[in-house]
Protein backbone atom coordinates (compact mmCIF):
# COMPACT_ATOMS: atom_id res chain seq x y z
CA UNK A 1 72.77 39.09 16.62
CA UNK A 2 73.55 38.01 13.14
CA UNK A 3 77.37 38.20 12.27
CA UNK A 4 76.80 40.66 9.25
CA UNK A 5 75.27 42.86 11.84
CA UNK A 6 78.21 42.58 14.04
CA UNK A 7 80.56 43.42 11.18
CA UNK A 8 78.78 46.67 10.44
CA UNK A 9 78.71 47.84 14.30
CA UNK A 10 80.93 50.16 15.92
CA UNK A 11 83.75 48.32 17.40
CA UNK A 12 82.53 49.03 20.97
CA UNK A 13 79.08 48.29 20.44
CA UNK A 14 79.95 45.03 18.86
CA UNK A 15 82.31 44.16 21.75
CA UNK A 16 79.52 44.96 24.74
CA UNK A 17 77.26 42.84 22.74
CA UNK A 18 79.58 40.00 22.88
CA UNK A 19 80.58 40.39 26.41
CA UNK A 20 76.95 40.82 27.49
CA UNK A 21 76.63 37.39 26.08
CA UNK A 22 79.89 35.99 27.27
CA UNK A 23 79.88 36.63 30.99
CA UNK A 24 77.06 36.02 33.35
CA UNK A 25 74.84 38.79 35.02
CA UNK A 26 77.10 38.60 37.91
CA UNK A 27 80.46 38.80 36.34
CA UNK A 28 79.10 41.33 34.08
CA UNK A 29 78.28 43.70 36.76
CA UNK A 30 81.53 43.15 38.75
CA UNK A 31 83.48 44.14 35.52
CA UNK A 32 81.26 47.23 34.71
CA UNK A 33 81.81 48.37 38.42
CA UNK A 34 85.73 47.75 37.99
CA UNK A 35 85.81 49.62 34.60
CA UNK A 36 83.69 52.40 36.30
CA UNK A 37 85.77 52.76 38.98
CA UNK A 38 88.90 53.01 37.04
CA UNK A 39 87.41 55.79 34.89
CA UNK A 40 86.37 57.56 37.68
CA UNK A 41 89.85 57.44 39.13
CA UNK A 42 91.24 58.77 35.87
CA UNK A 43 93.19 55.56 35.42
CA UNK A 44 93.54 54.10 31.67
CA UNK A 45 92.90 50.57 31.39
CA UNK A 46 93.08 48.12 28.39
CA UNK A 47 91.09 45.02 28.41
CA UNK A 48 93.01 41.80 27.63
CA UNK A 49 92.59 38.20 27.87
CA UNK A 50 89.44 36.24 27.05
CA UNK A 51 87.15 38.89 27.23
CA UNK A 52 89.35 41.21 24.52
CA UNK A 53 89.85 38.26 22.32
CA UNK A 54 86.01 37.40 22.18
CA UNK A 55 84.90 41.00 21.70
CA UNK A 56 87.64 41.51 18.67
CA UNK A 57 87.31 38.20 16.98
CA UNK A 58 83.44 37.63 17.38
CA UNK A 59 84.46 34.18 18.79
CA UNK A 60 83.22 33.54 22.26
CA UNK A 61 86.00 32.25 24.65
CA UNK A 62 84.91 31.17 27.98
CA UNK A 63 86.05 33.38 30.84
CA UNK A 64 85.27 34.57 34.21
CA UNK A 65 88.05 36.89 34.92
CA UNK A 66 89.29 40.32 33.65
CA UNK A 67 92.56 41.04 32.33
CA UNK A 68 93.53 44.64 32.73
CA UNK A 69 96.64 46.44 31.59
CA UNK A 70 97.38 49.69 33.14
CA UNK A 71 100.24 51.91 32.80
CA UNK A 72 103.03 51.04 35.58
CA UNK A 73 102.70 54.50 37.31
CA UNK A 74 98.99 54.11 37.68
CA UNK A 75 98.90 50.44 39.03
CA UNK A 76 98.98 51.14 42.38
CA UNK A 77 96.56 53.83 42.41
CA UNK A 78 94.06 51.21 40.60
CA UNK A 79 94.84 48.81 43.28
CA UNK A 80 94.12 51.43 46.13
CA UNK A 81 90.75 52.31 44.36
CA UNK A 82 89.83 48.74 44.14
CA UNK A 83 90.99 47.80 47.59
CA UNK A 84 88.70 50.77 49.05
CA UNK A 85 85.74 49.07 46.88
CA UNK A 86 86.36 45.86 48.68
CA UNK A 87 88.07 44.06 46.00
CA UNK A 88 91.07 41.83 46.97
CA UNK A 89 94.35 40.92 45.31
């Protein structure tokens, strides 16, 4: 995608396209699963780290992890949701 098209795309779409190019298919599906489960559990999350940096800056930063910020009162809830899905700490 051309940089000028990225500049005019809505921020969410811009981020999704960058992240799609940043992660492999397996990692992208895992991230989508985690975020979907958080949404279904009504846990608000903010994405940080390399993925957020790439999505907001447009500069790709290789990464294979997903950094999430959650409210302190939601941390245990999200850990339980993810543990039930087979994720480990």
